[in-house]
């Protein structure tokens, strides 16, 4: 699938951002990152 590499990069960027918020216990933006990670 030609688009898969870009899709996995987008997932990894989102995952990294969510994990950073989890470590910082910063909950305000978690909902936004949850939706992006799920997509």
ModelCIF file with pLDDT and N, C-alpha, C, O atoms, coordinates in Angstrom:
data_MODEL
#
_entry.id   MODEL 
#
_entity.id                         1 
_entity.type                       polymer 
_entity.pdbx_number_of_molecules   1 
#
_entity_poly.entity_id                      1 
_entity_poly.type                           'polypeptide(L)' 
_entity_poly.nstd_linkage                   no 
_entity_poly.nstd_monomer                   no 
_entity_poly.pdbx_seq_one_letter_code       
;(UNK)(UNK)(UNK)(UNK)(UNK)(UNK)(UNK)(UNK)(UNK)(UNK)(UNK)(UNK)(UNK)(UNK)(UNK)(UNK)
(UNK)(UNK)(UNK)(UNK)(UNK)(UNK)(UNK)(UNK)(UNK)(UNK)(UNK)(UNK)(UNK)(UNK)(UNK)(UNK)
(UNK)(UNK)(UNK)(UNK)(UNK)(UNK)(UNK)
;
_entity_poly.pdbx_seq_one_letter_code_can   XXXXXXXXXXXXXXXXXXXXXXXXXXXXXXXXXXXXXXX 
_entity_poly.pdbx_strand_id                 A 
#
loop_
_entity_poly_seq.entity_id 
_entity_poly_seq.num 
_entity_poly_seq.mon_id 
_entity_poly_seq.hetero 
1 1  UNK n 
1 2  UNK n 
1 3  UNK n 
1 4  UNK n 
1 5  UNK n 
1 6  UNK n 
1 7  UNK n 
1 8  UNK n 
1 9  UNK n 
1 10 UNK n 
1 11 UNK n 
1 12 UNK n 
1 13 UNK n 
1 14 UNK n 
1 15 UNK n 
1 16 UNK n 
1 17 UNK n 
1 18 UNK n 
1 19 UNK n 
1 20 UNK n 
1 21 UNK n 
1 22 UNK n 
1 23 UNK n 
1 24 UNK n 
1 25 UNK n 
1 26 UNK n 
1 27 UNK n 
1 28 UNK n 
1 29 UNK n 
1 30 UNK n 
1 31 UNK n 
1 32 UNK n 
1 33 UNK n 
1 34 UNK n 
1 35 UNK n 
1 36 UNK n 
1 37 UNK n 
1 38 UNK n 
1 39 UNK n 
#
_struct_asym.id          A 
_struct_asym.entity_id   1 
#
loop_
_ma_qa_metric.id 
_ma_qa_metric.mode 
_ma_qa_metric.name 
_ma_qa_metric.software_group_id 
_ma_qa_metric.type 
1 global pLDDT . pLDDT 
2 local  pLDDT . pLDDT 
#
_ma_qa_metric_global.metric_id      1 
_ma_qa_metric_global.metric_value   92.49 
_ma_qa_metric_global.model_id       1 
_ma_qa_metric_global.ordinal_id     1 
#
loop_
_ma_qa_metric_local.label_asym_id 
_ma_qa_metric_local.label_comp_id 
_ma_qa_metric_local.label_seq_id 
_ma_qa_metric_local.metric_id 
_ma_qa_metric_local.metric_value 
_ma_qa_metric_local.model_id 
_ma_qa_metric_local.ordinal_id 
A UNK 1  2 91.00 1 1  
A UNK 2  2 83.00 1 2  
A UNK 3  2 89.00 1 3  
A UNK 4  2 92.00 1 4  
A UNK 5  2 87.00 1 5  
A UNK 6  2 89.00 1 6  
A UNK 7  2 95.00 1 7  
A UNK 8  2 95.00 1 8  
A UNK 9  2 93.00 1 9  
A UNK 10 2 97.00 1 10 
A UNK 11 2 98.00 1 11 
A UNK 12 2 97.00 1 12 
A UNK 13 2 97.00 1 13 
A UNK 14 2 97.00 1 14 
A UNK 15 2 97.00 1 15 
A UNK 16 2 97.00 1 16 
A UNK 17 2 95.00 1 17 
A UNK 18 2 96.00 1 18 
A UNK 19 2 96.00 1 19 
A UNK 20 2 95.00 1 20 
A UNK 21 2 94.00 1 21 
A UNK 22 2 94.00 1 22 
A UNK 23 2 93.00 1 23 
A UNK 24 2 90.00 1 24 
A UNK 25 2 87.00 1 25 
A UNK 26 2 82.00 1 26 
A UNK 27 2 80.00 1 27 
A UNK 28 2 79.00 1 28 
A UNK 29 2 85.00 1 29 
A UNK 30 2 90.00 1 30 
A UNK 31 2 90.00 1 31 
A UNK 32 2 91.00 1 32 
A UNK 33 2 95.00 1 33 
A UNK 34 2 96.00 1 34 
A UNK 35 2 96.00 1 35 
A UNK 36 2 97.00 1 36 
A UNK 37 2 97.00 1 37 
A UNK 38 2 97.00 1 38 
A UNK 39 2 98.00 1 39 
#
loop_
_atom_site.group_PDB 
_atom_site.id 
_atom_site.type_symbol 
_atom_site.label_atom_id 
_atom_site.label_alt_id 
_atom_site.label_comp_id 
_atom_site.label_asym_id 
_atom_site.label_entity_id 
_atom_site.label_seq_id 
_atom_site.pdbx_PDB_ins_code 
_atom_site.Cartn_x 
_atom_site.Cartn_y 
_atom_site.Cartn_z 
_atom_site.occupancy 
_atom_site.B_iso_or_equiv 
_atom_site.pdbx_formal_charge 
_atom_site.auth_seq_id 
_atom_site.auth_comp_id 
_atom_site.auth_asym_id 
_atom_site.auth_atom_id 
_atom_site.pdbx_PDB_model_num 
ATOM 1   N N  . UNK A 1 1  ? 0.842  -1.194 0.000  1.00 91.00 ? 1  UNK A N  1 
ATOM 2   C CA . UNK A 1 1  ? 0.000  0.000  0.000  1.00 91.00 ? 1  UNK A CA 1 
ATOM 3   C C  . UNK A 1 1  ? 0.884  1.254  0.000  1.00 91.00 ? 1  UNK A C  1 
ATOM 4   O O  . UNK A 1 1  ? 1.596  1.493  0.976  1.00 91.00 ? 1  UNK A O  1 
ATOM 5   N N  . UNK A 1 2  ? 0.856  2.042  -1.045 1.00 83.00 ? 2  UNK A N  1 
ATOM 6   C CA . UNK A 1 2  ? 1.756  3.193  -1.160 1.00 83.00 ? 2  UNK A CA 1 
ATOM 7   C C  . UNK A 1 2  ? 1.662  4.179  -0.002 1.00 83.00 ? 2  UNK A C  1 
ATOM 8   O O  . UNK A 1 2  ? 2.662  4.800  0.355  1.00 83.00 ? 2  UNK A O  1 
ATOM 9   N N  . UNK A 1 3  ? 0.485  4.334  0.591  1.00 89.00 ? 3  UNK A N  1 
ATOM 10  C CA . UNK A 1 3  ? 0.302  5.341  1.637  1.00 89.00 ? 3  UNK A CA 1 
ATOM 11  C C  . UNK A 1 3  ? 0.644  4.825  3.033  1.00 89.00 ? 3  UNK A C  1 
ATOM 12  O O  . UNK A 1 3  ? 0.629  5.593  3.995  1.00 89.00 ? 3  UNK A O  1 
ATOM 13  N N  . UNK A 1 4  ? 0.950  3.538  3.155  1.00 92.00 ? 4  UNK A N  1 
ATOM 14  C CA . UNK A 1 4  ? 1.077  2.960  4.489  1.00 92.00 ? 4  UNK A CA 1 
ATOM 15  C C  . UNK A 1 4  ? 2.244  3.544  5.276  1.00 92.00 ? 4  UNK A C  1 
ATOM 16  O O  . UNK A 1 4  ? 2.125  3.743  6.485  1.00 92.00 ? 4  UNK A O  1 
ATOM 17  N N  . UNK A 1 5  ? 3.354  3.820  4.628  1.00 87.00 ? 5  UNK A N  1 
ATOM 18  C CA . UNK A 1 5  ? 4.513  4.372  5.346  1.00 87.00 ? 5  UNK A CA 1 
ATOM 19  C C  . UNK A 1 5  ? 4.158  5.705  5.992  1.00 87.00 ? 5  UNK A C  1 
ATOM 20  O O  . UNK A 1 5  ? 4.499  5.942  7.151  1.00 87.00 ? 5  UNK A O  1 
ATOM 21  N N  . UNK A 1 6  ? 3.475  6.578  5.254  1.00 89.00 ? 6  UNK A N  1 
ATOM 22  C CA . UNK A 1 6  ? 3.076  7.873  5.812  1.00 89.00 ? 6  UNK A CA 1 
ATOM 23  C C  . UNK A 1 6  ? 2.051  7.689  6.925  1.00 89.00 ? 6  UNK A C  1 
ATOM 24  O O  . UNK A 1 6  ? 2.067  8.424  7.912  1.00 89.00 ? 6  UNK A O  1 
ATOM 25  N N  . UNK A 1 7  ? 1.168  6.721  6.773  1.00 95.00 ? 7  UNK A N  1 
ATOM 26  C CA . UNK A 1 7  ? 0.152  6.472  7.799  1.00 95.00 ? 7  UNK A CA 1 
ATOM 27  C C  . UNK A 1 7  ? 0.778  5.983  9.101  1.00 95.00 ? 7  UNK A C  1 
ATOM 28  O O  . UNK A 1 7  ? 0.368  6.401  10.183 1.00 95.00 ? 7  UNK A O  1 
ATOM 29  N N  . UNK A 1 8  ? 1.761  5.105  9.000  1.00 95.00 ? 8  UNK A N  1 
ATOM 30  C CA . UNK A 1 8  ? 2.415  4.618  10.217 1.00 95.00 ? 8  UNK A CA 1 
ATOM 31  C C  . UNK A 1 8  ? 3.233  5.720  10.879 1.00 95.00 ? 8  UNK A C  1 
ATOM 32  O O  . UNK A 1 8  ? 3.315  5.773  12.106 1.00 95.00 ? 8  UNK A O  1 
ATOM 33  N N  . UNK A 1 9  ? 3.843  6.603  10.082 1.00 93.00 ? 9  UNK A N  1 
ATOM 34  C CA . UNK A 1 9  ? 4.568  7.734  10.674 1.00 93.00 ? 9  UNK A CA 1 
ATOM 35  C C  . UNK A 1 9  ? 3.609  8.646  11.438 1.00 93.00 ? 9  UNK A C  1 
ATOM 36  O O  . UNK A 1 9  ? 3.934  9.128  12.524 1.00 93.00 ? 9  UNK A O  1 
ATOM 37  N N  . UNK A 1 10 ? 2.432  8.879  10.869 1.00 97.00 ? 10 UNK A N  1 
ATOM 38  C CA . UNK A 1 10 ? 1.435  9.717  11.556 1.00 97.00 ? 10 UNK A CA 1 
ATOM 39  C C  . UNK A 1 10 ? 0.992  9.059  12.858 1.00 97.00 ? 10 UNK A C  1 
ATOM 40  O O  . UNK A 1 10 ? 0.822  9.736  13.872 1.00 97.00 ? 10 UNK A O  1 
ATOM 41  N N  . UNK A 1 11 ? 0.807  7.749  12.831 1.00 98.00 ? 11 UNK A N  1 
ATOM 42  C CA . UNK A 1 11 ? 0.430  7.042  14.057 1.00 98.00 ? 11 UNK A CA 1 
ATOM 43  C C  . UNK A 1 11 ? 1.527  7.149  15.111 1.00 98.00 ? 11 UNK A C  1 
ATOM 44  O O  . UNK A 1 11 ? 1.239  7.405  16.280 1.00 98.00 ? 11 UNK A O  1 
ATOM 45  N N  . UNK A 1 12 ? 2.783  6.955  14.708 1.00 97.00 ? 12 UNK A N  1 
ATOM 46  C CA . UNK A 1 12 ? 3.888  7.003  15.662 1.00 97.00 ? 12 UNK A CA 1 
ATOM 47  C C  . UNK A 1 12 ? 4.051  8.401  16.252 1.00 97.00 ? 12 UNK A C  1 
ATOM 48  O O  . UNK A 1 12 ? 4.340  8.533  17.441 1.00 97.00 ? 12 UNK A O  1 
ATOM 49  N N  . UNK A 1 13 ? 3.872  9.436  15.451 1.00 97.00 ? 13 UNK A N  1 
ATOM 50  C CA . UNK A 1 13 ? 3.949  10.798 15.987 1.00 97.00 ? 13 UNK A CA 1 
ATOM 51  C C  . UNK A 1 13 ? 2.851  11.035 17.023 1.00 97.00 ? 13 UNK A C  1 
ATOM 52  O O  . UNK A 1 13 ? 3.096  11.628 18.074 1.00 97.00 ? 13 UNK A O  1 
ATOM 53  N N  . UNK A 1 14 ? 1.653  10.571 16.720 1.00 97.00 ? 14 UNK A N  1 
ATOM 54  C CA . UNK A 1 14 ? 0.537  10.742 17.649 1.00 97.00 ? 14 UNK A CA 1 
ATOM 55  C C  . UNK A 1 14 ? 0.774  9.946  18.924 1.00 97.00 ? 14 UNK A C  1 
ATOM 56  O O  . UNK A 1 14 ? 0.518  10.432 20.026 1.00 97.00 ? 14 UNK A O  1 
ATOM 57  N N  . UNK A 1 15 ? 1.262  8.724  18.769 1.00 97.00 ? 15 UNK A N  1 
ATOM 58  C CA . UNK A 1 15 ? 1.552  7.891  19.938 1.00 97.00 ? 15 UNK A CA 1 
ATOM 59  C C  . UNK A 1 15 ? 2.598  8.546  20.829 1.00 97.00 ? 15 UNK A C  1 
ATOM 60  O O  . UNK A 1 15 ? 2.456  8.558  22.052 1.00 97.00 ? 15 UNK A O  1 
ATOM 61  N N  . UNK A 1 16 ? 3.644  9.087  20.224 1.00 97.00 ? 16 UNK A N  1 
ATOM 62  C CA . UNK A 1 16 ? 4.699  9.739  20.992 1.00 97.00 ? 16 UNK A CA 1 
ATOM 63  C C  . UNK A 1 16 ? 4.137  10.937 21.764 1.00 97.00 ? 16 UNK A C  1 
ATOM 64  O O  . UNK A 1 16 ? 4.489  11.147 22.925 1.00 97.00 ? 16 UNK A O  1 
ATOM 65  N N  . UNK A 1 17 ? 3.273  11.712 21.129 1.00 95.00 ? 17 UNK A N  1 
ATOM 66  C CA . UNK A 1 17 ? 2.686  12.878 21.797 1.00 95.00 ? 17 UNK A CA 1 
ATOM 67  C C  . UNK A 1 17 ? 1.782  12.441 22.944 1.00 95.00 ? 17 UNK A C  1 
ATOM 68  O O  . UNK A 1 17 ? 1.815  13.040 24.019 1.00 95.00 ? 17 UNK A O  1 
ATOM 69  N N  . UNK A 1 18 ? 0.984  11.414 22.730 1.00 96.00 ? 18 UNK A N  1 
ATOM 70  C CA . UNK A 1 18 ? 0.110  10.935 23.814 1.00 96.00 ? 18 UNK A CA 1 
ATOM 71  C C  . UNK A 1 18 ? 0.924  10.405 24.983 1.00 96.00 ? 18 UNK A C  1 
ATOM 72  O O  . UNK A 1 18 ? 0.598  10.674 26.140 1.00 96.00 ? 18 UNK A O  1 
ATOM 73  N N  . UNK A 1 19 ? 1.972  9.661  24.694 1.00 96.00 ? 19 UNK A N  1 
ATOM 74  C CA . UNK A 1 19 ? 2.806  9.121  25.771 1.00 96.00 ? 19 UNK A CA 1 
ATOM 75  C C  . UNK A 1 19 ? 3.477  10.239 26.572 1.00 96.00 ? 19 UNK A C  1 
ATOM 76  O O  . UNK A 1 19 ? 3.638  10.129 27.788 1.00 96.00 ? 19 UNK A O  1 
ATOM 77  N N  . UNK A 1 20 ? 3.862  11.306 25.889 1.00 95.00 ? 20 UNK A N  1 
ATOM 78  C CA . UNK A 1 20 ? 4.460  12.431 26.606 1.00 95.00 ? 20 UNK A CA 1 
ATOM 79  C C  . UNK A 1 20 ? 3.456  13.041 27.580 1.00 95.00 ? 20 UNK A C  1 
ATOM 80  O O  . UNK A 1 20 ? 3.803  13.360 28.718 1.00 95.00 ? 20 UNK A O  1 
ATOM 81  N N  . UNK A 1 21 ? 2.220  13.202 27.134 1.00 94.00 ? 21 UNK A N  1 
ATOM 82  C CA . UNK A 1 21 ? 1.187  13.752 28.023 1.00 94.00 ? 21 UNK A CA 1 
ATOM 83  C C  . UNK A 1 21 ? 0.917  12.823 29.197 1.00 94.00 ? 21 UNK A C  1 
ATOM 84  O O  . UNK A 1 21 ? 0.687  13.278 30.317 1.00 94.00 ? 21 UNK A O  1 
ATOM 85  N N  . UNK A 1 22 ? 0.947  11.523 28.938 1.00 94.00 ? 22 UNK A N  1 
ATOM 86  C CA . UNK A 1 22 ? 0.723  10.566 30.027 1.00 94.00 ? 22 UNK A CA 1 
ATOM 87  C C  . UNK A 1 22 ? 1.814  10.689 31.085 1.00 94.00 ? 22 UNK A C  1 
ATOM 88  O O  . UNK A 1 22 ? 1.523  10.681 32.282 1.00 94.00 ? 22 UNK A O  1 
ATOM 89  N N  . UNK A 1 23 ? 3.053  10.802 30.656 1.00 93.00 ? 23 UNK A N  1 
ATOM 90  C CA . UNK A 1 23 ? 4.162  10.920 31.603 1.00 93.00 ? 23 UNK A CA 1 
ATOM 91  C C  . UNK A 1 23 ? 4.099  12.231 32.374 1.00 93.00 ? 23 UNK A C  1 
ATOM 92  O O  . UNK A 1 23 ? 4.471  12.292 33.546 1.00 93.00 ? 23 UNK A O  1 
ATOM 93  N N  . UNK A 1 24 ? 3.626  13.277 31.707 1.00 90.00 ? 24 UNK A N  1 
ATOM 94  C CA . UNK A 1 24 ? 3.515  14.583 32.360 1.00 90.00 ? 24 UNK A CA 1 
ATOM 95  C C  . UNK A 1 24 ? 2.230  14.714 33.168 1.00 90.00 ? 24 UNK A C  1 
ATOM 96  O O  . UNK A 1 24 ? 2.026  15.705 33.869 1.00 90.00 ? 24 UNK A O  1 
ATOM 97  N N  . UNK A 1 25 ? 1.354  13.691 33.063 1.00 87.00 ? 25 UNK A N  1 
ATOM 98  C CA . UNK A 1 25 ? 0.037  13.725 33.719 1.00 87.00 ? 25 UNK A CA 1 
ATOM 99  C C  . UNK A 1 25 ? -0.723 14.999 33.334 1.00 87.00 ? 25 UNK A C  1 
ATOM 100 O O  . UNK A 1 25 ? -1.347 15.661 34.164 1.00 87.00 ? 25 UNK A O  1 
ATOM 101 N N  . UNK A 1 26 ? -0.640 15.307 32.047 1.00 82.00 ? 26 UNK A N  1 
ATOM 102 C CA . UNK A 1 26 ? -1.330 16.462 31.489 1.00 82.00 ? 26 UNK A CA 1 
ATOM 103 C C  . UNK A 1 26 ? -2.565 15.966 30.750 1.00 82.00 ? 26 UNK A C  1 
ATOM 104 O O  . UNK A 1 26 ? -2.466 15.434 29.645 1.00 82.00 ? 26 UNK A O  1 
ATOM 105 N N  . UNK A 1 27 ? -3.723 16.143 31.365 1.00 80.00 ? 27 UNK A N  1 
ATOM 106 C CA . UNK A 1 27 ? -4.935 15.505 30.857 1.00 80.00 ? 27 UNK A CA 1 
ATOM 107 C C  . UNK A 1 27 ? -5.766 16.387 29.919 1.00 80.00 ? 27 UNK A C  1 
ATOM 108 O O  . UNK A 1 27 ? -6.682 15.897 29.259 1.00 80.00 ? 27 UNK A O  1 
ATOM 109 N N  . UNK A 1 28 ? -5.456 17.658 29.860 1.00 79.00 ? 28 UNK A N  1 
ATOM 110 C CA . UNK A 1 28 ? -6.316 18.588 29.124 1.00 79.00 ? 28 UNK A CA 1 
ATOM 111 C C  . UNK A 1 28 ? -6.438 18.232 27.645 1.00 79.00 ? 28 UNK A C  1 
ATOM 112 O O  . UNK A 1 28 ? -7.509 18.384 27.058 1.00 79.00 ? 28 UNK A O  1 
ATOM 113 N N  . UNK A 1 29 ? -5.332 17.752 27.031 1.00 85.00 ? 29 UNK A N  1 
ATOM 114 C CA . UNK A 1 29 ? -5.344 17.492 25.595 1.00 85.00 ? 29 UNK A CA 1 
ATOM 115 C C  . UNK A 1 29 ? -5.453 16.005 25.254 1.00 85.00 ? 29 UNK A C  1 
ATOM 116 O O  . UNK A 1 29 ? -5.421 15.631 24.082 1.00 85.00 ? 29 UNK A O  1 
ATOM 117 N N  . UNK A 1 30 ? -5.581 15.173 26.262 1.00 90.00 ? 30 UNK A N  1 
ATOM 118 C CA . UNK A 1 30 ? -5.590 13.729 25.989 1.00 90.00 ? 30 UNK A CA 1 
ATOM 119 C C  . UNK A 1 30 ? -6.737 13.315 25.077 1.00 90.00 ? 30 UNK A C  1 
ATOM 120 O O  . UNK A 1 30 ? -6.569 12.436 24.233 1.00 90.00 ? 30 UNK A O  1 
ATOM 121 N N  . UNK A 1 31 ? -7.878 13.925 25.235 1.00 90.00 ? 31 UNK A N  1 
ATOM 122 C CA . UNK A 1 31 ? -9.032 13.537 24.416 1.00 90.00 ? 31 UNK A CA 1 
ATOM 123 C C  . UNK A 1 31 ? -8.757 13.738 22.928 1.00 90.00 ? 31 UNK A C  1 
ATOM 124 O O  . UNK A 1 31 ? -9.135 12.914 22.095 1.00 90.00 ? 31 UNK A O  1 
ATOM 125 N N  . UNK A 1 32 ? -8.084 14.860 22.607 1.00 91.00 ? 32 UNK A N  1 
ATOM 126 C CA . UNK A 1 32 ? -7.758 15.140 21.201 1.00 91.00 ? 32 UNK A CA 1 
ATOM 127 C C  . UNK A 1 32 ? -6.809 14.084 20.665 1.00 91.00 ? 32 UNK A C  1 
ATOM 128 O O  . UNK A 1 32 ? -6.998 13.576 19.560 1.00 91.00 ? 32 UNK A O  1 
ATOM 129 N N  . UNK A 1 33 ? -5.780 13.749 21.452 1.00 95.00 ? 33 UNK A N  1 
ATOM 130 C CA . UNK A 1 33 ? -4.811 12.749 21.009 1.00 95.00 ? 33 UNK A CA 1 
ATOM 131 C C  . UNK A 1 33 ? -5.422 11.353 20.964 1.00 95.00 ? 33 UNK A C  1 
ATOM 132 O O  . UNK A 1 33 ? -5.036 10.541 20.123 1.00 95.00 ? 33 UNK A O  1 
ATOM 133 N N  . UNK A 1 34 ? -6.365 11.059 21.853 1.00 96.00 ? 34 UNK A N  1 
ATOM 134 C CA . UNK A 1 34 ? -7.063 9.777  21.799 1.00 96.00 ? 34 UNK A CA 1 
ATOM 135 C C  . UNK A 1 34 ? -7.786 9.611  20.468 1.00 96.00 ? 34 UNK A C  1 
ATOM 136 O O  . UNK A 1 34 ? -7.729 8.554  19.841 1.00 96.00 ? 34 UNK A O  1 
ATOM 137 N N  . UNK A 1 35 ? -8.466 10.672 20.050 1.00 96.00 ? 35 UNK A N  1 
ATOM 138 C CA . UNK A 1 35 ? -9.219 10.599 18.788 1.00 96.00 ? 35 UNK A CA 1 
ATOM 139 C C  . UNK A 1 35 ? -8.289 10.424 17.599 1.00 96.00 ? 35 UNK A C  1 
ATOM 140 O O  . UNK A 1 35 ? -8.576 9.645  16.690 1.00 96.00 ? 35 UNK A O  1 
ATOM 141 N N  . UNK A 1 36 ? -7.179 11.144 17.604 1.00 97.00 ? 36 UNK A N  1 
ATOM 142 C CA . UNK A 1 36 ? -6.220 11.023 16.505 1.00 97.00 ? 36 UNK A CA 1 
ATOM 143 C C  . UNK A 1 36 ? -5.582 9.637  16.487 1.00 97.00 ? 36 UNK A C  1 
ATOM 144 O O  . UNK A 1 36 ? -5.430 9.033  15.426 1.00 97.00 ? 36 UNK A O  1 
ATOM 145 N N  . UNK A 1 37 ? -5.211 9.137  17.663 1.00 97.00 ? 37 UNK A N  1 
ATOM 146 C CA . UNK A 1 37 ? -4.596 7.817  17.735 1.00 97.00 ? 37 UNK A CA 1 
ATOM 147 C C  . UNK A 1 37 ? -5.572 6.739  17.283 1.00 97.00 ? 37 UNK A C  1 
ATOM 148 O O  . UNK A 1 37 ? -5.178 5.793  16.601 1.00 97.00 ? 37 UNK A O  1 
ATOM 149 N N  . UNK A 1 38 ? -6.831 6.871  17.653 1.00 97.00 ? 38 UNK A N  1 
ATOM 150 C CA . UNK A 1 38 ? -7.840 5.892  17.243 1.00 97.00 ? 38 UNK A CA 1 
ATOM 151 C C  . UNK A 1 38 ? -8.034 5.910  15.731 1.00 97.00 ? 38 UNK A C  1 
ATOM 152 O O  . UNK A 1 38 ? -8.199 4.861  15.108 1.00 97.00 ? 38 UNK A O  1 
ATOM 153 N N  . UNK A 1 39 ? -8.014 7.094  15.147 1.00 98.00 ? 39 UNK A N  1 
ATOM 154 C CA . UNK A 1 39 ? -8.207 7.207  13.693 1.00 98.00 ? 39 UNK A CA 1 
ATOM 155 C C  . UNK A 1 39 ? -7.056 6.555  12.934 1.00 98.00 ? 39 UNK A C  1 
ATOM 156 O O  . UNK A 1 39 ? -7.050 6.554  11.703 1.00 98.00 ? 39 UNK A O  1 
#
